[in-house]
Amino acid sequence: MKTNVGGVDRVLRIVVGLALVLAAVFGAIGAWGYIGLVPLVTGAVGTCPLYSMLGLNTCPMKRT
């Protein structure tokens, strides 16, 4: 799969994902916090299937 998640987008996804998962682990929020795994994984991998389906891309274009 092609990378379609850019730098700032990746960082935000990882931070939000970690925050949700940690909040769920420590009991600050319910089990729904594990949904944070989705942005965490898509940020770490750099590919978002939803972006692909919608034709979105936050990665800067490569200069040749």
N, C-alpha and C. Protein backbone atom coordinates (compact mmCIF):
# COMPACT_ATOMS: atom_id res chain seq x y z
N MET A 1 0.83 -1.17 0.00
CA MET A 1 0.00 0.00 0.00
C MET A 1 0.89 1.25 0.00
N LYS A 2 0.42 2.27 -0.66
CA LYS A 2 1.17 3.52 -0.73
C LYS A 2 0.96 4.34 0.54
N THR A 3 1.99 5.07 0.91
CA THR A 3 1.89 5.97 2.05
C THR A 3 1.00 7.15 1.67
N ASN A 4 -0.02 7.40 2.49
CA ASN A 4 -0.91 8.52 2.20
C ASN A 4 -1.18 9.38 3.43
N VAL A 5 -0.39 9.17 4.49
CA VAL A 5 -0.53 9.95 5.71
C VAL A 5 0.77 10.73 5.91
N GLY A 6 0.68 12.06 5.89
CA GLY A 6 1.84 12.92 5.99
C GLY A 6 2.36 13.08 7.41
N GLY A 7 3.44 13.83 7.56
CA GLY A 7 4.15 13.98 8.82
C GLY A 7 3.32 14.47 9.98
N VAL A 8 2.69 15.63 9.85
CA VAL A 8 1.89 16.19 10.94
C VAL A 8 0.70 15.28 11.24
N ASP A 9 0.08 14.78 10.21
CA ASP A 9 -1.06 13.86 10.36
C ASP A 9 -0.63 12.61 11.12
N ARG A 10 0.53 12.08 10.79
CA ARG A 10 1.04 10.87 11.46
C ARG A 10 1.28 11.13 12.94
N VAL A 11 1.92 12.24 13.26
CA VAL A 11 2.21 12.57 14.66
C VAL A 11 0.91 12.72 15.45
N LEU A 12 -0.05 13.43 14.90
CA LEU A 12 -1.34 13.60 15.59
C LEU A 12 -2.05 12.27 15.81
N ARG A 13 -2.02 11.41 14.81
CA ARG A 13 -2.66 10.10 14.94
C ARG A 13 -2.00 9.28 16.05
N ILE A 14 -0.68 9.30 16.09
CA ILE A 14 0.04 8.52 17.09
C ILE A 14 -0.23 9.07 18.49
N VAL A 15 -0.19 10.37 18.65
CA VAL A 15 -0.43 10.98 19.97
C VAL A 15 -1.84 10.70 20.45
N VAL A 16 -2.83 10.91 19.60
CA VAL A 16 -4.23 10.68 19.99
C VAL A 16 -4.46 9.20 20.26
N GLY A 17 -3.92 8.35 19.41
CA GLY A 17 -4.07 6.91 19.61
C GLY A 17 -3.47 6.44 20.92
N LEU A 18 -2.26 6.89 21.21
CA LEU A 18 -1.62 6.52 22.48
C LEU A 18 -2.40 7.03 23.68
N ALA A 19 -2.87 8.26 23.59
CA ALA A 19 -3.63 8.84 24.69
C ALA A 19 -4.90 8.03 24.97
N LEU A 20 -5.62 7.67 23.93
CA LEU A 20 -6.85 6.89 24.11
C LEU A 20 -6.57 5.51 24.68
N VAL A 21 -5.57 4.84 24.14
CA VAL A 21 -5.25 3.49 24.62
C VAL A 21 -4.77 3.53 26.07
N LEU A 22 -3.89 4.47 26.40
CA LEU A 22 -3.40 4.57 27.78
C LEU A 22 -4.52 4.93 28.75
N ALA A 23 -5.43 5.79 28.33
CA ALA A 23 -6.57 6.15 29.17
C ALA A 23 -7.45 4.91 29.43
N ALA A 24 -7.60 4.08 28.42
CA ALA A 24 -8.39 2.86 28.58
C ALA A 24 -7.66 1.86 29.48
N VAL A 25 -6.37 1.74 29.32
CA VAL A 25 -5.59 0.80 30.13
C VAL A 25 -5.64 1.18 31.61
N PHE A 26 -5.54 2.47 31.91
CA PHE A 26 -5.53 2.93 33.30
C PHE A 26 -6.92 3.18 33.86
N GLY A 27 -7.96 2.89 33.08
CA GLY A 27 -9.32 2.97 33.58
C GLY A 27 -9.92 4.36 33.61
N ALA A 28 -9.27 5.34 33.00
CA ALA A 28 -9.81 6.70 32.98
C ALA A 28 -11.03 6.80 32.08
N ILE A 29 -11.07 5.98 31.06
CA ILE A 29 -12.23 5.89 30.17
C ILE A 29 -12.57 4.42 29.99
N GLY A 30 -13.69 4.16 29.39
CA GLY A 30 -14.12 2.78 29.21
C GLY A 30 -13.33 2.05 28.14
N ALA A 31 -13.79 0.86 27.85
CA ALA A 31 -13.12 0.01 26.87
C ALA A 31 -13.14 0.62 25.47
N TRP A 32 -14.03 1.58 25.23
CA TRP A 32 -14.07 2.21 23.91
C TRP A 32 -12.77 2.92 23.59
N GLY A 33 -11.95 3.19 24.59
CA GLY A 33 -10.67 3.85 24.36
C GLY A 33 -9.72 3.03 23.52
N TYR A 34 -9.96 1.72 23.46
CA TYR A 34 -9.11 0.87 22.63
C TYR A 34 -9.30 1.13 21.14
N ILE A 35 -10.31 1.91 20.80
CA ILE A 35 -10.48 2.34 19.40
C ILE A 35 -9.27 3.18 18.99
N GLY A 36 -8.53 3.67 19.97
CA GLY A 36 -7.31 4.42 19.70
C GLY A 36 -6.25 3.61 18.98
N LEU A 37 -6.42 2.30 18.93
CA LEU A 37 -5.49 1.45 18.18
C LEU A 37 -5.56 1.77 16.68
N VAL A 38 -6.71 2.19 16.21
CA VAL A 38 -6.86 2.49 14.78
C VAL A 38 -5.97 3.67 14.37
N PRO A 39 -6.09 4.85 15.00
CA PRO A 39 -5.20 5.93 14.59
C PRO A 39 -3.73 5.63 14.91
N LEU A 40 -3.49 4.88 15.98
CA LEU A 40 -2.12 4.53 16.34
C LEU A 40 -1.46 3.69 15.24
N VAL A 41 -2.16 2.68 14.77
CA VAL A 41 -1.60 1.81 13.72
C VAL A 41 -1.50 2.54 12.39
N THR A 42 -2.52 3.29 12.01
CA THR A 42 -2.45 3.99 10.72
C THR A 42 -1.37 5.06 10.75
N GLY A 43 -1.13 5.68 11.90
CA GLY A 43 -0.06 6.65 12.01
C GLY A 43 1.30 5.99 11.94
N ALA A 44 1.45 4.86 12.60
CA ALA A 44 2.73 4.15 12.62
C ALA A 44 3.07 3.58 11.24
N VAL A 45 2.06 3.07 10.55
CA VAL A 45 2.28 2.46 9.23
C VAL A 45 2.38 3.52 8.13
N GLY A 46 1.64 4.62 8.31
CA GLY A 46 1.67 5.69 7.31
C GLY A 46 0.65 5.52 6.21
N THR A 47 -0.26 4.58 6.39
CA THR A 47 -1.29 4.33 5.38
C THR A 47 -2.65 4.28 6.05
N CYS A 48 -3.61 4.98 5.49
CA CYS A 48 -4.96 4.98 6.00
C CYS A 48 -5.90 4.44 4.91
N PRO A 49 -6.54 3.30 5.15
CA PRO A 49 -7.45 2.73 4.15
C PRO A 49 -8.60 3.68 3.79
N LEU A 50 -9.11 4.42 4.75
CA LEU A 50 -10.20 5.36 4.48
C LEU A 50 -9.72 6.46 3.54
N TYR A 51 -8.50 6.97 3.77
CA TYR A 51 -7.94 7.97 2.86
C TYR A 51 -7.85 7.41 1.44
N SER A 52 -7.44 6.16 1.32
CA SER A 52 -7.33 5.53 0.00
C SER A 52 -8.69 5.49 -0.69
N MET A 53 -9.73 5.10 0.05
CA MET A 53 -11.06 5.00 -0.53
C MET A 53 -11.59 6.37 -0.94
N LEU A 54 -11.25 7.41 -0.18
CA LEU A 54 -11.74 8.75 -0.48
C LEU A 54 -10.82 9.53 -1.42
N GLY A 55 -9.67 8.95 -1.74
CA GLY A 55 -8.73 9.63 -2.64
C GLY A 55 -7.95 10.74 -1.97
N LEU A 56 -7.83 10.70 -0.66
CA LEU A 56 -7.10 11.74 0.08
C LEU A 56 -5.65 11.34 0.27
N ASN A 57 -4.79 12.36 0.41
CA ASN A 57 -3.37 12.12 0.62
C ASN A 57 -2.80 13.35 1.31
N THR A 58 -2.25 13.18 2.53
CA THR A 58 -1.66 14.29 3.24
C THR A 58 -0.14 14.29 3.15
N CYS A 59 0.41 13.37 2.38
CA CYS A 59 1.86 13.32 2.17
C CYS A 59 2.25 14.40 1.16
N PRO A 60 3.37 15.05 1.44
CA PRO A 60 3.85 16.03 0.44
C PRO A 60 4.31 15.29 -0.82
N MET A 61 4.19 15.96 -1.93
CA MET A 61 4.61 15.35 -3.20
C MET A 61 6.13 15.24 -3.23
N LYS A 62 6.61 14.14 -3.79
CA LYS A 62 8.06 13.97 -3.94
C LYS A 62 8.54 14.79 -5.11
N ARG A 63 9.63 15.50 -4.91
CA ARG A 63 10.20 16.30 -5.99
C ARG A 63 11.17 15.44 -6.79
N THR A 64 11.11 15.58 -8.09
CA THR A 64 12.00 14.78 -8.93
C THR A 64 13.07 15.63 -9.55
